């Protein structure tokens, strides 16, 4: 599943980079929790939780079977 998640993150990475941010895959647990790290402007953005929930999580759930949720892992 990790490879599928990484590919799916590649789909949305350009949009994050266009706003000065980025996303890094930290890991995927056996129960479908995708752990990511928001970087750049995304790391300190007050809208980062909305980006995770309505952007990243929604996309991953649509394209990668088994994804239950996405959580941001702080550095």
N, C-alpha and C. Protein backbone atom coordinates (compact mmCIF):
# COMPACT_ATOMS: atom_id res chain seq x y z
N UNK A 1 0.83 -1.19 0.00
CA UNK A 1 0.00 0.00 0.00
C UNK A 1 0.87 1.26 0.00
N UNK A 2 2.06 1.18 0.59
CA UNK A 2 2.92 2.36 0.70
C UNK A 2 3.26 2.94 -0.67
N UNK A 3 3.53 2.07 -1.63
CA UNK A 3 3.86 2.55 -2.98
C UNK A 3 2.67 3.26 -3.62
N UNK A 4 1.47 2.73 -3.41
CA UNK A 4 0.27 3.36 -3.96
C UNK A 4 0.03 4.73 -3.33
N UNK A 5 0.27 4.82 -2.02
CA UNK A 5 0.09 6.10 -1.32
C UNK A 5 1.11 7.11 -1.84
N UNK A 6 2.35 6.70 -2.00
CA UNK A 6 3.38 7.61 -2.50
C UNK A 6 3.02 8.13 -3.89
N UNK A 7 2.52 7.25 -4.74
CA UNK A 7 2.10 7.66 -6.08
C UNK A 7 0.94 8.66 -6.01
N UNK A 8 -0.02 8.39 -5.14
CA UNK A 8 -1.18 9.27 -4.99
C UNK A 8 -0.77 10.63 -4.44
N UNK A 9 0.21 10.65 -3.53
CA UNK A 9 0.71 11.93 -3.01
C UNK A 9 1.37 12.72 -4.13
N UNK A 10 1.98 12.02 -5.07
CA UNK A 10 2.58 12.69 -6.22
C UNK A 10 1.56 13.45 -7.06
N UNK A 11 0.31 12.99 -7.02
CA UNK A 11 -0.76 13.66 -7.76
C UNK A 11 -1.08 15.03 -7.17
N UNK A 12 -1.00 15.14 -5.86
CA UNK A 12 -1.38 16.39 -5.21
C UNK A 12 -0.19 17.26 -4.80
N UNK A 13 0.99 16.70 -4.85
CA UNK A 13 2.20 17.44 -4.46
C UNK A 13 2.37 18.75 -5.24
N UNK A 14 2.14 18.79 -6.56
CA UNK A 14 2.32 20.06 -7.29
C UNK A 14 1.45 21.19 -6.76
N UNK A 15 0.24 20.89 -6.32
CA UNK A 15 -0.63 21.93 -5.77
C UNK A 15 -0.06 22.48 -4.47
N UNK A 16 0.48 21.61 -3.64
CA UNK A 16 1.09 22.06 -2.39
C UNK A 16 2.36 22.87 -2.66
N UNK A 17 3.15 22.41 -3.61
CA UNK A 17 4.38 23.11 -3.95
C UNK A 17 4.11 24.48 -4.55
N UNK A 18 3.01 24.61 -5.27
CA UNK A 18 2.65 25.89 -5.87
C UNK A 18 2.39 26.94 -4.79
N UNK A 19 1.99 26.49 -3.60
CA UNK A 19 1.76 27.41 -2.48
C UNK A 19 2.94 27.48 -1.53
N UNK A 20 4.08 26.94 -1.93
CA UNK A 20 5.28 27.01 -1.11
C UNK A 20 5.41 25.91 -0.07
N UNK A 21 4.63 24.86 -0.20
CA UNK A 21 4.68 23.77 0.75
C UNK A 21 5.06 22.46 0.09
N UNK A 22 4.96 21.40 0.85
CA UNK A 22 5.22 20.07 0.33
C UNK A 22 4.70 19.06 1.34
N UNK A 23 4.75 17.80 0.97
CA UNK A 23 4.29 16.73 1.85
C UNK A 23 5.24 15.56 1.72
N UNK A 24 5.53 14.93 2.84
CA UNK A 24 6.43 13.78 2.87
C UNK A 24 5.70 12.60 3.51
N UNK A 25 5.79 11.45 2.90
CA UNK A 25 5.21 10.25 3.48
C UNK A 25 6.14 9.74 4.57
N UNK A 26 5.62 9.61 5.78
CA UNK A 26 6.39 9.09 6.91
C UNK A 26 6.19 7.58 7.01
N UNK A 27 4.94 7.14 6.87
CA UNK A 27 4.66 5.71 6.94
C UNK A 27 3.19 5.41 6.76
N UNK A 28 2.90 4.12 6.65
CA UNK A 28 1.53 3.64 6.54
C UNK A 28 1.40 2.48 7.52
N UNK A 29 0.44 2.58 8.43
CA UNK A 29 0.26 1.52 9.41
C UNK A 29 -0.58 0.39 8.82
N UNK A 30 -0.56 -0.74 9.50
CA UNK A 30 -1.33 -1.90 9.03
C UNK A 30 -2.82 -1.66 9.04
N UNK A 31 -3.28 -0.74 9.89
CA UNK A 31 -4.72 -0.47 9.96
C UNK A 31 -5.15 0.71 9.08
N UNK A 32 -4.30 1.11 8.12
CA UNK A 32 -4.69 2.08 7.11
C UNK A 32 -4.51 3.54 7.47
N UNK A 33 -3.70 3.82 8.48
CA UNK A 33 -3.43 5.20 8.84
C UNK A 33 -2.18 5.66 8.08
N UNK A 34 -2.35 6.70 7.29
CA UNK A 34 -1.24 7.27 6.53
C UNK A 34 -0.64 8.41 7.34
N UNK A 35 0.64 8.31 7.63
CA UNK A 35 1.34 9.32 8.40
C UNK A 35 2.18 10.16 7.45
N UNK A 36 1.93 11.46 7.48
CA UNK A 36 2.63 12.38 6.59
C UNK A 36 3.23 13.52 7.41
N UNK A 37 4.14 14.23 6.78
CA UNK A 37 4.71 15.43 7.39
C UNK A 37 4.52 16.57 6.39
N UNK A 38 3.80 17.60 6.82
CA UNK A 38 3.66 18.79 5.99
C UNK A 38 4.91 19.64 6.17
N UNK A 39 5.39 20.18 5.07
CA UNK A 39 6.64 20.94 5.10
C UNK A 39 6.45 22.30 4.43
N UNK A 40 7.43 23.15 4.59
CA UNK A 40 7.39 24.48 3.97
C UNK A 40 6.25 25.31 4.56
N UNK A 41 5.60 26.07 3.72
CA UNK A 41 4.50 26.91 4.18
C UNK A 41 3.35 26.10 4.75
N UNK A 42 3.20 24.88 4.30
CA UNK A 42 2.10 24.04 4.79
C UNK A 42 2.27 23.70 6.28
N UNK A 43 3.52 23.62 6.74
CA UNK A 43 3.78 23.21 8.12
C UNK A 43 3.19 24.20 9.12
N UNK A 44 3.24 25.47 8.82
CA UNK A 44 2.75 26.47 9.77
C UNK A 44 1.44 27.10 9.37
N UNK A 45 0.84 26.62 8.33
CA UNK A 45 -0.39 27.24 7.82
C UNK A 45 -1.58 26.92 8.72
N UNK A 46 -2.37 27.94 9.04
CA UNK A 46 -3.55 27.68 9.87
C UNK A 46 -4.60 26.82 9.17
N UNK A 47 -4.50 26.67 7.87
CA UNK A 47 -5.45 25.85 7.11
C UNK A 47 -4.92 24.44 6.87
N UNK A 48 -3.82 24.08 7.49
CA UNK A 48 -3.19 22.78 7.21
C UNK A 48 -4.10 21.60 7.56
N UNK A 49 -4.87 21.69 8.63
CA UNK A 49 -5.76 20.58 8.98
C UNK A 49 -6.84 20.40 7.92
N UNK A 50 -7.33 21.50 7.39
CA UNK A 50 -8.33 21.42 6.32
C UNK A 50 -7.71 20.82 5.05
N UNK A 51 -6.48 21.21 4.77
CA UNK A 51 -5.77 20.65 3.62
C UNK A 51 -5.63 19.14 3.78
N UNK A 52 -5.26 18.70 4.97
CA UNK A 52 -5.12 17.26 5.22
C UNK A 52 -6.43 16.53 5.06
N UNK A 53 -7.47 17.04 5.68
CA UNK A 53 -8.76 16.34 5.69
C UNK A 53 -9.47 16.42 4.35
N UNK A 54 -9.61 17.61 3.82
CA UNK A 54 -10.42 17.79 2.61
C UNK A 54 -9.63 17.66 1.32
N UNK A 55 -8.33 17.68 1.41
CA UNK A 55 -7.51 17.52 0.22
C UNK A 55 -6.80 16.19 0.18
N UNK A 56 -5.83 16.02 1.05
CA UNK A 56 -4.98 14.84 1.04
C UNK A 56 -5.77 13.57 1.38
N UNK A 57 -6.47 13.59 2.52
CA UNK A 57 -7.20 12.39 2.95
C UNK A 57 -8.28 11.99 1.94
N UNK A 58 -9.02 12.95 1.46
CA UNK A 58 -10.08 12.65 0.48
C UNK A 58 -9.49 12.00 -0.77
N UNK A 59 -8.41 12.56 -1.28
CA UNK A 59 -7.79 12.01 -2.49
C UNK A 59 -7.27 10.60 -2.24
N UNK A 60 -6.57 10.40 -1.13
CA UNK A 60 -6.01 9.08 -0.85
C UNK A 60 -7.11 8.03 -0.68
N UNK A 61 -8.18 8.38 0.01
CA UNK A 61 -9.28 7.43 0.19
C UNK A 61 -9.92 7.06 -1.15
N UNK A 62 -9.95 8.00 -2.08
CA UNK A 62 -10.55 7.75 -3.39
C UNK A 62 -9.69 6.87 -4.28
N UNK A 63 -8.38 6.94 -4.14
CA UNK A 63 -7.52 6.22 -5.09
C UNK A 63 -6.75 5.04 -4.50
N UNK A 64 -6.67 4.96 -3.16
CA UNK A 64 -5.92 3.86 -2.54
C UNK A 64 -6.86 3.08 -1.61
N UNK A 65 -7.23 1.87 -1.99
CA UNK A 65 -8.09 1.06 -1.12
C UNK A 65 -7.41 0.78 0.22
N UNK A 66 -8.16 0.90 1.29
CA UNK A 66 -7.64 0.58 2.61
C UNK A 66 -7.19 1.75 3.44
N UNK A 67 -7.14 2.95 2.85
CA UNK A 67 -6.75 4.13 3.61
C UNK A 67 -7.94 4.54 4.50
N UNK A 68 -7.68 4.61 5.79
CA UNK A 68 -8.72 4.97 6.76
C UNK A 68 -8.66 6.44 7.14
N UNK A 69 -7.46 6.94 7.37
CA UNK A 69 -7.31 8.36 7.71
C UNK A 69 -5.85 8.78 7.47
N UNK A 70 -5.67 10.11 7.48
CA UNK A 70 -4.34 10.69 7.30
C UNK A 70 -4.06 11.54 8.52
N UNK A 71 -2.85 11.39 9.06
CA UNK A 71 -2.47 12.23 10.19
C UNK A 71 -1.12 12.86 9.95
N UNK A 72 -1.00 14.09 10.44
CA UNK A 72 0.24 14.84 10.31
C UNK A 72 1.16 14.49 11.48
N UNK A 73 2.38 14.11 11.16
CA UNK A 73 3.38 13.78 12.17
C UNK A 73 4.30 14.98 12.26
N UNK A 74 4.37 15.58 13.43
CA UNK A 74 5.22 16.75 13.59
C UNK A 74 6.67 16.34 13.67
N UNK A 75 7.52 17.21 13.17
CA UNK A 75 8.96 16.94 13.12
C UNK A 75 9.57 16.73 14.48
